[in-house]
Amino acid sequence: MSKRTTAAILAFLLGGIGVHKFYQGKIGIGLIYLLFCWTFIPAIAAMIEFIIYLTITDEQYELRYHSKVTSEQMSRVEKELQELKEEKVKQEMENLRQEVENLKKKNKKK
């Protein structure tokens, strides 16, 4: 049985007290569900989550609820993003230079 299926069953059967959140390792949210279980709001939220768990794939579930990004991965992504930004700025600058050159040529012809 997949983690997604287990979470869906827990959300359906015991979601009103947050058992599915404890299973996912989200202790703080689980405690909030447990503290407010008497209001039935956590039960309604758990039913919605149950439906969500049933409609997403195992891969989507893993990415959304169990993926851990390391600081090394984050710094690599930030570096790549910075490089893309710098490349975009250079490209925009070149486009502006081209426009200026075209405008100068038009003004010379007049």
PDB file of N, CA and C in Angstrom:
ATOM      1  N   MET A   1       0.850  -1.174   0.000  1.00  0.00           N
ATOM      2  CA  MET A   1       0.000   0.000   0.000  1.00  0.00           C
ATOM      3  C   MET A   1       0.898   1.240   0.000  1.00  0.00           C
ATOM      4  N   SER A   2       0.547   2.214  -0.828  1.00  0.00           N
ATOM      5  CA  SER A   2       1.375   3.413  -0.938  1.00  0.00           C
ATOM      6  C   SER A   2       1.130   4.365   0.237  1.00  0.00           C
ATOM      7  N   LYS A   3       2.048   5.295   0.406  1.00  0.00           N
ATOM      8  CA  LYS A   3       1.898   6.309   1.457  1.00  0.00           C
ATOM      9  C   LYS A   3       0.646   7.134   1.225  1.00  0.00           C
ATOM     10  N   ARG A   4       0.367   7.411  -0.059  1.00  0.00           N
ATOM     11  CA  ARG A   4      -0.810   8.210  -0.415  1.00  0.00           C
ATOM     12  C   ARG A   4      -2.085   7.491   0.004  1.00  0.00           C
ATOM     13  N   THR A   5      -2.164   6.199  -0.282  1.00  0.00           N
ATOM     14  CA  THR A   5      -3.353   5.426   0.070  1.00  0.00           C
ATOM     15  C   THR A   5      -3.513   5.348   1.581  1.00  0.00           C
ATOM     16  N   THR A   6      -2.426   5.128   2.283  1.00  0.00           N
ATOM     17  CA  THR A   6      -2.473   5.079   3.745  1.00  0.00           C
ATOM     18  C   THR A   6      -2.951   6.413   4.307  1.00  0.00           C
ATOM     19  N   ALA A   7      -2.413   7.511   3.780  1.00  0.00           N
ATOM     20  CA  ALA A   7      -2.834   8.842   4.242  1.00  0.00           C
ATOM     21  C   ALA A   7      -4.311   9.071   3.945  1.00  0.00           C
ATOM     22  N   ALA A   8      -4.777   8.615   2.781  1.00  0.00           N
ATOM     23  CA  ALA A   8      -6.188   8.787   2.424  1.00  0.00           C
ATOM     24  C   ALA A   8      -7.087   8.012   3.392  1.00  0.00           C
ATOM     25  N   ILE A   9      -6.711   6.769   3.696  1.00  0.00           N
ATOM     26  CA  ILE A   9      -7.511   5.964   4.635  1.00  0.00           C
ATOM     27  C   ILE A   9      -7.519   6.605   6.019  1.00  0.00           C
ATOM     28  N   LEU A  10      -6.357   7.063   6.474  1.00  0.00           N
ATOM     29  CA  LEU A  10      -6.291   7.722   7.782  1.00  0.00           C
ATOM     30  C   LEU A  10      -7.100   9.014   7.800  1.00  0.00           C
ATOM     31  N   ALA A  11      -7.049   9.772   6.701  1.00  0.00           N
ATOM     32  CA  ALA A  11      -7.826  11.016   6.629  1.00  0.00           C
ATOM     33  C   ALA A  11      -9.319  10.713   6.695  1.00  0.00           C
ATOM     34  N   PHE A  12      -9.738   9.644   6.030  1.00  0.00           N
ATOM     35  CA  PHE A  12     -11.156   9.282   6.022  1.00  0.00           C
ATOM     36  C   PHE A  12     -11.622   8.779   7.383  1.00  0.00           C
ATOM     37  N   LEU A  13     -10.836   7.890   7.985  1.00  0.00           N
ATOM     38  CA  LEU A  13     -11.275   7.258   9.230  1.00  0.00           C
ATOM     39  C   LEU A  13     -10.980   8.087  10.482  1.00  0.00           C
ATOM     40  N   LEU A  14      -9.805   8.695  10.535  1.00  0.00           N
ATOM     41  CA  LEU A  14      -9.376   9.388  11.759  1.00  0.00           C
ATOM     42  C   LEU A  14      -8.906  10.821  11.494  1.00  0.00           C
ATOM     43  N   GLY A  15      -9.289  11.360  10.356  1.00  0.00           N
ATOM     44  CA  GLY A  15      -8.836  12.700   9.984  1.00  0.00           C
ATOM     45  C   GLY A  15      -9.323  13.794  10.902  1.00  0.00           C
ATOM     46  N   GLY A  16     -10.474  13.593  11.526  1.00  0.00           N
ATOM     47  CA  GLY A  16     -11.022  14.602  12.423  1.00  0.00           C
ATOM     48  C   GLY A  16     -10.143  14.880  13.622  1.00  0.00           C
ATOM     49  N   ILE A  17      -9.279  13.923  13.969  1.00  0.00           N
ATOM     50  CA  ILE A  17      -8.339  14.148  15.078  1.00  0.00           C
ATOM     51  C   ILE A  17      -6.900  14.283  14.580  1.00  0.00           C
ATOM     52  N   GLY A  18      -6.732  14.359  13.261  1.00  0.00           N
ATOM     53  CA  GLY A  18      -5.435  14.691  12.685  1.00  0.00           C
ATOM     54  C   GLY A  18      -4.449  13.558  12.532  1.00  0.00           C
ATOM     55  N   VAL A  19      -4.910  12.307  12.601  1.00  0.00           N
ATOM     56  CA  VAL A  19      -3.982  11.176  12.527  1.00  0.00           C
ATOM     57  C   VAL A  19      -3.197  11.186  11.217  1.00  0.00           C
ATOM     58  N   HIS A  20      -3.838  11.556  10.116  1.00  0.00           N
ATOM     59  CA  HIS A  20      -3.140  11.576   8.820  1.00  0.00           C
ATOM     60  C   HIS A  20      -2.016  12.605   8.807  1.00  0.00           C
ATOM     61  N   LYS A  21      -2.177  13.698   9.541  1.00  0.00           N
ATOM     62  CA  LYS A  21      -1.118  14.710   9.622  1.00  0.00           C
ATOM     63  C   LYS A  21       0.069  14.194  10.441  1.00  0.00           C
ATOM     64  N   PHE A  22      -0.213  13.483  11.529  1.00  0.00           N
ATOM     65  CA  PHE A  22       0.866  12.868  12.300  1.00  0.00           C
ATOM     66  C   PHE A  22       1.610  11.858  11.436  1.00  0.00           C
ATOM     67  N   TYR A  23       0.870  11.084  10.640  1.00  0.00           N
ATOM     68  CA  TYR A  23       1.475  10.101   9.739  1.00  0.00           C
ATOM     69  C   TYR A  23       2.412  10.778   8.735  1.00  0.00           C
ATOM     70  N   GLN A  24       2.048  11.974   8.284  1.00  0.00           N
ATOM     71  CA  GLN A  24       2.869  12.711   7.320  1.00  0.00           C
ATOM     72  C   GLN A  24       4.052  13.414   7.990  1.00  0.00           C
ATOM     73  N   GLY A  25       4.101  13.382   9.309  1.00  0.00           N
ATOM     74  CA  GLY A  25       5.189  14.025  10.022  1.00  0.00           C
ATOM     75  C   GLY A  25       4.933  15.496  10.316  1.00  0.00           C
ATOM     76  N   LYS A  26       3.709  15.937  10.126  1.00  0.00           N
ATOM     77  CA  LYS A  26       3.341  17.333  10.391  1.00  0.00           C
ATOM     78  C   LYS A  26       2.683  17.406  11.776  1.00  0.00           C
ATOM     79  N   ILE A  27       3.538  17.328  12.781  1.00  0.00           N
ATOM     80  CA  ILE A  27       3.074  17.227  14.161  1.00  0.00           C
ATOM     81  C   ILE A  27       2.288  18.463  14.600  1.00  0.00           C
ATOM     82  N   GLY A  28       2.776  19.642  14.236  1.00  0.00           N
ATOM     83  CA  GLY A  28       2.100  20.879  14.633  1.00  0.00           C
ATOM     84  C   GLY A  28       0.678  20.960  14.107  1.00  0.00           C
ATOM     85  N   ILE A  29       0.506  20.671  12.828  1.00  0.00           N
ATOM     86  CA  ILE A  29      -0.836  20.696  12.227  1.00  0.00           C
ATOM     87  C   ILE A  29      -1.692  19.589  12.852  1.00  0.00           C
ATOM     88  N   GLY A  30      -1.077  18.441  13.109  1.00  0.00           N
ATOM     89  CA  GLY A  30      -1.801  17.347  13.750  1.00  0.00           C
ATOM     90  C   GLY A  30      -2.341  17.749  15.110  1.00  0.00           C
ATOM     91  N   LEU A  31      -1.525  18.478  15.860  1.00  0.00           N
ATOM     92  CA  LEU A  31      -1.975  18.949  17.178  1.00  0.00           C
ATOM     93  C   LEU A  31      -3.120  19.951  17.050  1.00  0.00           C
ATOM     94  N   ILE A  32      -3.056  20.797  16.040  1.00  0.00           N
ATOM     95  CA  ILE A  32      -4.153  21.755  15.813  1.00  0.00           C
ATOM     96  C   ILE A  32      -5.440  21.005  15.491  1.00  0.00           C
ATOM     97  N   TYR A  33      -5.353  19.984  14.621  1.00  0.00           N
ATOM     98  CA  TYR A  33      -6.526  19.157  14.323  1.00  0.00           C
ATOM     99  C   TYR A  33      -7.070  18.541  15.604  1.00  0.00           C
ATOM    100  N   LEU A  34      -6.165  18.026  16.429  1.00  0.00           N
ATOM    101  CA  LEU A  34      -6.568  17.362  17.670  1.00  0.00           C
ATOM    102  C   LEU A  34      -7.226  18.348  18.641  1.00  0.00           C
ATOM    103  N   LEU A  35      -6.658  19.538  18.777  1.00  0.00           N
ATOM    104  CA  LEU A  35      -7.217  20.534  19.697  1.00  0.00           C
ATOM    105  C   LEU A  35      -8.598  21.031  19.269  1.00  0.00           C
ATOM    106  N   PHE A  36      -8.821  21.094  17.948  1.00  0.00           N
ATOM    107  CA  PHE A  36     -10.087  21.637  17.463  1.00  0.00           C
ATOM    108  C   PHE A  36     -11.037  20.562  16.941  1.00  0.00           C
ATOM    109  N   CYS A  37     -10.780  19.306  17.291  1.00  0.00           N
ATOM    110  CA  CYS A  37     -11.623  18.222  16.768  1.00  0.00           C
ATOM    111  C   CYS A  37     -13.080  18.360  17.202  1.00  0.00           C
ATOM    112  N   TRP A  38     -13.326  18.964  18.343  1.00  0.00           N
ATOM    113  CA  TRP A  38     -14.686  19.133  18.838  1.00  0.00           C
ATOM    114  C   TRP A  38     -15.518  20.083  17.969  1.00  0.00           C
ATOM    115  N   THR A  39     -14.855  20.884  17.108  1.00  0.00           N
ATOM    116  CA  THR A  39     -15.583  21.823  16.247  1.00  0.00           C
ATOM    117  C   THR A  39     -16.017  21.188  14.930  1.00  0.00           C
ATOM    118  N   PHE A  40     -15.515  20.024  14.623  1.00  0.00           N
ATOM    119  CA  PHE A  40     -15.756  19.300  13.366  1.00  0.00           C
ATOM    120  C   PHE A  40     -15.125  19.975  12.151  1.00  0.00           C
ATOM    121  N   ILE A  41     -14.462  21.095  12.351  1.00  0.00           N
ATOM    122  CA  ILE A  41     -13.753  21.747  11.235  1.00  0.00           C
ATOM    123  C   ILE A  41     -12.612  20.862  10.734  1.00  0.00           C
ATOM    124  N   PRO A  42     -11.819  20.271  11.626  1.00  0.00           N
ATOM    125  CA  PRO A  42     -10.775  19.366  11.132  1.00  0.00           C
ATOM    126  C   PRO A  42     -11.344  18.168  10.359  1.00  0.00           C
ATOM    127  N   ALA A  43     -12.515  17.696  10.756  1.00  0.00           N
ATOM    128  CA  ALA A  43     -13.139  16.573  10.054  1.00  0.00           C
ATOM    129  C   ALA A  43     -13.508  16.974   8.625  1.00  0.00           C
ATOM    130  N   ILE A  44     -14.021  18.180   8.458  1.00  0.00           N
ATOM    131  CA  ILE A  44     -14.365  18.679   7.126  1.00  0.00           C
ATOM    132  C   ILE A  44     -13.096  18.838   6.296  1.00  0.00           C
ATOM    133  N   ALA A  45     -12.054  19.413   6.907  1.00  0.00           N
ATOM    134  CA  ALA A  45     -10.779  19.574   6.201  1.00  0.00           C
ATOM    135  C   ALA A  45     -10.207  18.213   5.817  1.00  0.00           C
ATOM    136  N   ALA A  46     -10.329  17.235   6.711  1.00  0.00           N
ATOM    137  CA  ALA A  46      -9.812  15.894   6.438  1.00  0.00           C
ATOM    138  C   ALA A  46     -10.562  15.239   5.280  1.00  0.00           C
ATOM    139  N   MET A  47     -11.860  15.475   5.176  1.00  0.00           N
ATOM    140  CA  MET A  47     -12.623  14.916   4.058  1.00  0.00           C
ATOM    141  C   MET A  47     -12.153  15.522   2.727  1.00  0.00           C
ATOM    142  N   ILE A  48     -11.877  16.814   2.755  1.00  0.00           N
ATOM    143  CA  ILE A  48     -11.358  17.474   1.549  1.00  0.00           C
ATOM    144  C   ILE A  48      -9.987  16.898   1.201  1.00  0.00           C
ATOM    145  N   GLU A  49      -9.141  16.731   2.214  1.00  0.00           N
ATOM    146  CA  GLU A  49      -7.815  16.148   1.984  1.00  0.00           C
ATOM    147  C   GLU A  49      -7.921  14.707   1.500  1.00  0.00           C
ATOM    148  N   PHE A  50      -8.879  13.969   2.013  1.00  0.00           N
ATOM    149  CA  PHE A  50      -9.114  12.597   1.565  1.00  0.00           C
ATOM    150  C   PHE A  50      -9.373  12.580   0.059  1.00  0.00           C
ATOM    151  N   ILE A  51     -10.223  13.469  -0.404  1.00  0.00           N
ATOM    152  CA  ILE A  51     -10.530  13.553  -1.838  1.00  0.00           C
ATOM    153  C   ILE A  51      -9.283  13.945  -2.628  1.00  0.00           C
ATOM    154  N   ILE A  52      -8.530  14.901  -2.098  1.00  0.00           N
ATOM    155  CA  ILE A  52      -7.298  15.327  -2.779  1.00  0.00           C
ATOM    156  C   ILE A  52      -6.335  14.155  -2.898  1.00  0.00           C
ATOM    157  N   TYR A  53      -6.157  13.404  -1.809  1.00  0.00           N
ATOM    158  CA  TYR A  53      -5.233  12.268  -1.827  1.00  0.00           C
ATOM    159  C   TYR A  53      -5.648  11.224  -2.858  1.00  0.00           C
ATOM    160  N   LEU A  54      -6.949  11.057  -3.029  1.00  0.00           N
ATOM    161  CA  LEU A  54      -7.436  10.071  -3.994  1.00  0.00           C
ATOM    162  C   LEU A  54      -7.271  10.535  -5.441  1.00  0.00           C
ATOM    163  N   THR A  55      -7.228  11.846  -5.647  1.00  0.00           N
ATOM    164  CA  THR A  55      -7.202  12.355  -7.022  1.00  0.00           C
ATOM    165  C   THR A  55      -5.805  12.682  -7.547  1.00  0.00           C
ATOM    166  N   ILE A  56      -4.796  12.649  -6.687  1.00  0.00           N
ATOM    167  CA  ILE A  56      -3.441  12.922  -7.166  1.00  0.00           C
ATOM    168  C   ILE A  56      -2.674  11.613  -7.305  1.00  0.00           C
ATOM    169  N   THR A  57      -1.592  11.656  -8.066  1.00  0.00           N
ATOM    170  CA  THR A  57      -0.761  10.461  -8.243  1.00  0.00           C
ATOM    171  C   THR A  57       0.176  10.299  -7.055  1.00  0.00           C
ATOM    172  N   ASP A  58       0.781   9.114  -6.963  1.00  0.00           N
ATOM    173  CA  ASP A  58       1.758   8.874  -5.891  1.00  0.00           C
ATOM    174  C   ASP A  58       2.928   9.850  -5.982  1.00  0.00           C
ATOM    175  N   GLU A  59       3.364  10.142  -7.218  1.00  0.00           N
ATOM    176  CA  GLU A  59       4.487  11.065  -7.410  1.00  0.00           C
ATOM    177  C   GLU A  59       4.127  12.465  -6.926  1.00  0.00           C
ATOM    178  N   GLN A  60       2.915  12.921  -7.273  1.00  0.00           N
ATOM    179  CA  GLN A  60       2.475  14.240  -6.821  1.00  0.00           C
ATOM    180  C   GLN A  60       2.374  14.281  -5.301  1.00  0.00           C
ATOM    181  N   TYR A  61       1.881  13.197  -4.726  1.00  0.00           N
ATOM    182  CA  TYR A  61       1.773  13.128  -3.263  1.00  0.00           C
ATOM    183  C   TYR A  61       3.149  13.237  -2.613  1.00  0.00           C
ATOM    184  N   GLU A  62       4.105  12.472  -3.129  1.00  0.00           N
ATOM    185  CA  GLU A  62       5.462  12.499  -2.572  1.00  0.00           C
ATOM    186  C   GLU A  62       6.066  13.894  -2.669  1.00  0.00           C
ATOM    187  N   LEU A  63       5.901  14.531  -3.825  1.00  0.00           N
ATOM    188  CA  LEU A  63       6.455  15.879  -3.993  1.00  0.00           C
ATOM    189  C   LEU A  63       5.805  16.876  -3.052  1.00  0.00           C
ATOM    190  N   ARG A  64       4.502  16.785  -2.904  1.00  0.00           N
ATOM    191  CA  ARG A  64       3.771  17.757  -2.103  1.00  0.00           C
ATOM    192  C   ARG A  64       3.940  17.548  -0.603  1.00  0.00           C
ATOM    193  N   TYR A  65       3.958  16.306  -0.155  1.00  0.00           N
ATOM    194  CA  TYR A  65       3.898  16.039   1.281  1.00  0.00           C
ATOM    195  C   TYR A  65       5.162  15.429   1.890  1.00  0.00           C
ATOM    196  N   HIS A  66       6.080  14.912   1.068  1.00  0.00           N
ATOM    197  CA  HIS A  66       7.236  14.239   1.651  1.00  0.00           C
ATOM    198  C   HIS A  66       8.577  14.668   1.071  1.00  0.00           C
ATOM    199  N   SER A  67       8.591  15.624   0.176  1.00  0.00           N
ATOM    200  CA  SER A  67       9.881  15.990  -0.414  1.00  0.00           C
ATOM    201  C   SER A  67      10.650  16.883   0.551  1.00  0.00           C
ATOM    202  N   LYS A  68      11.915  16.599   0.655  1.00  0.00           N
ATOM    203  CA  LYS A  68      12.820  17.383   1.494  1.00  0.00           C
ATOM    204  C   LYS A  68      13.887  17.985   0.592  1.00  0.00           C
ATOM    205  N   VAL A  69      13.977  19.286   0.575  1.00  0.00           N
ATOM    206  CA  VAL A  69      14.974  19.973  -0.234  1.00  0.00           C
ATOM    207  C   VAL A  69      16.166  20.291   0.663  1.00  0.00           C
ATOM    208  N   THR A  70      17.337  19.853   0.240  1.00  0.00           N
ATOM    209  CA  THR A  70      18.535  20.120   1.029  1.00  0.00           C
ATOM    210  C   THR A  70      19.034  21.530   0.734  1.00  0.00           C
ATOM    211  N   SER A  71      19.862  22.043   1.620  1.00  0.00           N
ATOM    212  CA  SER A  71      20.408  23.385   1.419  1.00  0.00           C
ATOM    213  C   SER A  71      21.308  23.415   0.188  1.00  0.00           C
ATOM    214  N   GLU A  72      21.975  22.295  -0.089  1.00  0.00           N
ATOM    215  CA  GLU A  72      22.827  22.214  -1.278  1.00  0.00           C
ATOM    216  C   GLU A  72      21.990  22.322  -2.548  1.00  0.00           C
ATOM    217  N   GLN A  73      20.850  21.611  -2.580  1.00  0.00           N
ATOM    218  CA  GLN A  73      19.957  21.690  -3.735  1.00  0.00           C
ATOM    219  C   GLN A  73      19.411  23.108  -3.888  1.00  0.00           C
ATOM    220  N   MET A  74      19.059  23.716  -2.767  1.00  0.00           N
ATOM    221  CA  MET A  74      18.498  25.061  -2.801  1.00  0.00           C
ATOM    222  C   MET A  74      19.521  26.063  -3.309  1.00  0.00           C
ATOM    223  N   SER A  75      20.767  25.960  -2.855  1.00  0.00           N
ATOM    224  CA  SER A  75      21.791  26.902  -3.309  1.00  0.00           C
ATOM    225  C   SER A  75      22.098  26.702  -4.790  1.00  0.00           C
ATOM    226  N   ARG A  76      22.060  25.448  -5.255  1.00  0.00           N
ATOM    227  CA  ARG A  76      22.283  25.189  -6.680  1.00  0.00           C
ATOM    228  C   ARG A  76      21.172  25.828  -7.519  1.00  0.00           C
ATOM    229  N   VAL A  77      19.942  25.686  -7.076  1.00  0.00           N
ATOM    230  CA  VAL A  77      18.812  26.274  -7.797  1.00  0.00           C
ATOM    231  C   VAL A  77      18.904  27.794  -7.781  1.00  0.00           C
ATOM    232  N   GLU A  78      19.268  28.366  -6.630  1.00  0.00           N
ATOM    233  CA  GLU A  78      19.414  29.819  -6.536  1.00  0.00           C
ATOM    234  C   GLU A  78      20.508  30.315  -7.473  1.00  0.00           C
ATOM    235  N   LYS A  79      21.614  29.580  -7.570  1.00  0.00           N
ATOM    236  CA  LYS A  79      22.707  29.955  -8.464  1.00  0.00           C
ATOM    237  C   LYS A  79      22.242  29.913  -9.925  1.00  0.00           C
ATOM    238  N   GLU A  80      21.528  28.846 -10.293  1.00  0.00           N
ATOM    239  CA  GLU A  80      21.014  28.724 -11.657  1.00  0.00           C
ATOM    240  C   GLU A  80      20.031  29.847 -11.964  1.00  0.00           C
ATOM    241  N   LEU A  81      19.201  30.183 -10.998  1.00  0.00           N
ATOM    242  CA  LEU A  81      18.238  31.269 -11.180  1.00  0.00           C
ATOM    243  C   LEU A  81      18.957  32.593 -11.386  1.00  0.00           C
ATOM    244  N   GLN A  82      19.993  32.841 -10.604  1.00  0.00           N
ATOM    245  CA  GLN A  82      20.776  34.069 -10.752  1.00  0.00           C
ATOM    246  C   GLN A  82      21.422  34.137 -12.133  1.00  0.00           C
ATOM    247  N   GLU A  83      21.968  33.010 -12.598  1.00  0.00           N
ATOM    248  CA  GLU A  83      22.582  32.976 -13.921  1.00  0.00           C
ATOM    249  C   GLU A  83      21.554  33.269 -15.009  1.00  0.00           C
ATOM    250  N   LEU A  84      20.356  32.711 -14.863  1.00  0.00           N
ATOM    251  CA  LEU A  84      19.295  32.981 -15.834  1.00  0.00           C
ATOM    252  C   LEU A  84      18.896  34.455 -15.840  1.00  0.00           C
ATOM    253  N   LYS A  85      18.825  35.044 -14.651  1.00  0.00           N
ATOM    254  CA  LYS A  85      18.497  36.469 -14.550  1.00  0.00           C
ATOM    255  C   LYS A  85      19.560  37.316 -15.239  1.00  0.00           C
ATOM    256  N   GLU A  86      20.824  36.994 -14.981  1.00  0.00           N
ATOM    257  CA  GLU A  86      21.917  37.745 -15.606  1.00  0.00           C
ATOM    258  C   GLU A  86      21.883  37.601 -17.119  1.00  0.00           C
ATOM    259  N   GLU A  87      21.608  36.400 -17.597  1.00  0.00           N
ATOM    260  CA  GLU A  87      21.514  36.170 -19.036  1.00  0.00           C
ATOM    261  C   GLU A  87      20.358  36.967 -19.636  1.00  0.00           C
ATOM    262  N   LYS A  88      19.247  37.008 -18.935  1.00  0.00           N
ATOM    263  CA  LYS A  88      18.072  37.761 -19.402  1.00  0.00           C
ATOM    264  C   LYS A  88      18.386  39.251 -19.461  1.00  0.00           C
ATOM    265  N   VAL A  89      19.080  39.768 -18.447  1.00  0.00           N
ATOM    266  CA  VAL A  89      19.448  41.186 -18.438  1.00  0.00           C
ATOM    267  C   VAL A  89      20.370  41.497 -19.610  1.00  0.00           C
ATOM    268  N   LYS A  90      21.354  40.631 -19.849  1.00  0.00           N
ATOM    269  CA  LYS A  90      22.257  40.846 -20.979  1.00  0.00           C
ATOM    270  C   LYS A  90      21.487  40.856 -22.296  1.00  0.00           C
ATOM    271  N   GLN A  91      20.549  39.934 -22.419  1.00  0.00           N
ATOM    272  CA  GLN A  91      19.753  39.849 -23.639  1.00  0.00           C
ATOM    273  C   GLN A  91      18.909  41.110 -23.819  1.00  0.00           C
ATOM    274  N   GLU A  92      18.324  41.590 -22.762  1.00  0.00           N
ATOM    275  CA  GLU A  92      17.517  42.815 -22.828  1.00  0.00           C
ATOM    276  C   GLU A  92      18.379  44.020 -23.187  1.00  0.00           C
ATOM    277  N   MET A  93      19.572  44.084 -22.604  1.00  0.00           N
ATOM    278  CA  MET A  93      20.492  45.178 -22.925  1.00  0.00           C
ATOM    279  C   MET A  93      20.856  45.159 -24.406  1.00  0.00           C
ATOM    280  N   GLU A  94      21.124  43.984 -24.941  1.00  0.00           N
ATOM    281  CA  GLU A  94      21.455  43.864 -26.361  1.00  0.00           C
ATOM    282  C   GLU A  94      20.273  44.293 -27.232  1.00  0.00           C
ATOM    283  N   ASN A  95      19.073  43.913 -26.845  1.00  0.00           N
ATOM    284  CA  ASN A  95      17.880  44.340 -27.585  1.00  0.00           C
ATOM    285  C   ASN A  95      17.730  45.860 -27.579  1.00  0.00           C
ATOM    286  N   LEU A  96      17.997  46.470 -26.424  1.00  0.00           N
ATOM    287  CA  LEU A  96      17.911  47.925 -26.331  1.00  0.00           C
ATOM    288  C   LEU A  96      18.980  48.596 -27.204  1.00  0.00           C
ATOM    289  N   ARG A  97      20.187  48.044 -27.219  1.00  0.00           N
ATOM    290  CA  ARG A  97      21.245  48.582 -28.073  1.00  0.00           C
ATOM    291  C   ARG A  97      20.839  48.531 -29.542  1.00  0.00           C
ATOM    292  N   GLN A  98      20.247  47.408 -29.916  1.00  0.00           N
ATOM    293  CA  GLN A  98      19.788  47.253 -31.301  1.00  0.00           C
ATOM    294  C   GLN A  98      18.724  48.297 -31.637  1.00  0.00           C
ATOM    295  N   GLU A  99      17.814  48.522 -30.737  1.00  0.00           N
ATOM    296  CA  GLU A  99      16.771  49.521 -30.963  1.00  0.00           C
ATOM    297  C   GLU A  99      17.367  50.916 -31.098  1.00  0.00           C
ATOM    298  N   VAL A 100      18.334  51.235 -30.236  1.00  0.00           N
ATOM    299  CA  VAL A 100      18.990  52.537 -30.302  1.00  0.00           C
ATOM    300  C   VAL A 100      19.700  52.695 -31.647  1.00  0.00           C
ATOM    301  N   GLU A 101      20.400  51.663 -32.086  1.00  0.00           N
ATOM    302  CA  GLU A 101      21.099  51.705 -33.381  1.00  0.00           C
ATOM    303  C   GLU A 101      20.106  51.902 -34.523  1.00  0.00           C
ATOM    304  N   ASN A 102      18.993  51.207 -34.461  1.00  0.00           N
ATOM    305  CA  ASN A 102      17.974  51.361 -35.508  1.00  0.00           C
ATOM    306  C   ASN A 102      17.391  52.762 -35.522  1.00  0.00           C
ATOM    307  N   LEU A 103      17.174  53.322 -34.341  1.00  0.00           N
ATOM    308  CA  LEU A 103      16.641  54.686 -34.264  1.00  0.00           C
ATOM    309  C   LEU A 103      17.662  55.698 -34.802  1.00  0.00           C
ATOM    310  N   LYS A 104      18.931  55.496 -34.504  1.00  0.00           N
ATOM    311  CA  LYS A 104      19.989  56.390 -35.013  1.00  0.00           C
ATOM    312  C   LYS A 104      20.035  56.341 -36.539  1.00  0.00           C
ATOM    313  N   LYS A 105      19.920  55.125 -37.108  1.00  0.00           N
ATOM    314  CA  LYS A 105      19.948  54.982 -38.564  1.00  0.00           C
ATOM    315  C   LYS A 105      18.758  55.689 -39.196  1.00  0.00           C
ATOM    316  N   LYS A 106      17.589  55.578 -38.566  1.00  0.00           N
ATOM    317  CA  LYS A 106      16.396  56.234 -39.100  1.00  0.00           C
ATOM    318  C   LYS A 106      16.559  57.751 -39.056  1.00  0.00           C
ATOM    319  N   ASN A 107      17.126  58.256 -37.962  1.00  0.00           N
ATOM    320  CA  ASN A 107      17.320  59.699 -37.835  1.00  0.00           C
ATOM    321  C   ASN A 107      18.339  60.228 -38.852  1.00  0.00           C
ATOM    322  N   LYS A 108      19.357  59.467 -39.179  1.00  0.00           N
ATOM    323  CA  LYS A 108      20.361  59.866 -40.157  1.00  0.00           C
ATOM    324  C   LYS A 108      19.746  59.932 -41.540  1.00  0.00           C
ATOM    325  N   LYS A 109      18.834  59.043 -41.860  1.00  0.00           N
ATOM    326  CA  LYS A 109      18.204  59.028 -43.174  1.00  0.00           C
ATOM    327  C   LYS A 109      17.304  60.268 -43.367  1.00  0.00           C
ATOM    328  N   LYS A 110      16.762  60.778 -42.313  1.00  0.00           N
ATOM    329  CA  LYS A 110      15.869  61.940 -42.423  1.00  0.00           C
ATOM    330  C   LYS A 110      16.662  63.171 -42.563  1.00  0.00           C
TER     331      LYS A 110
END
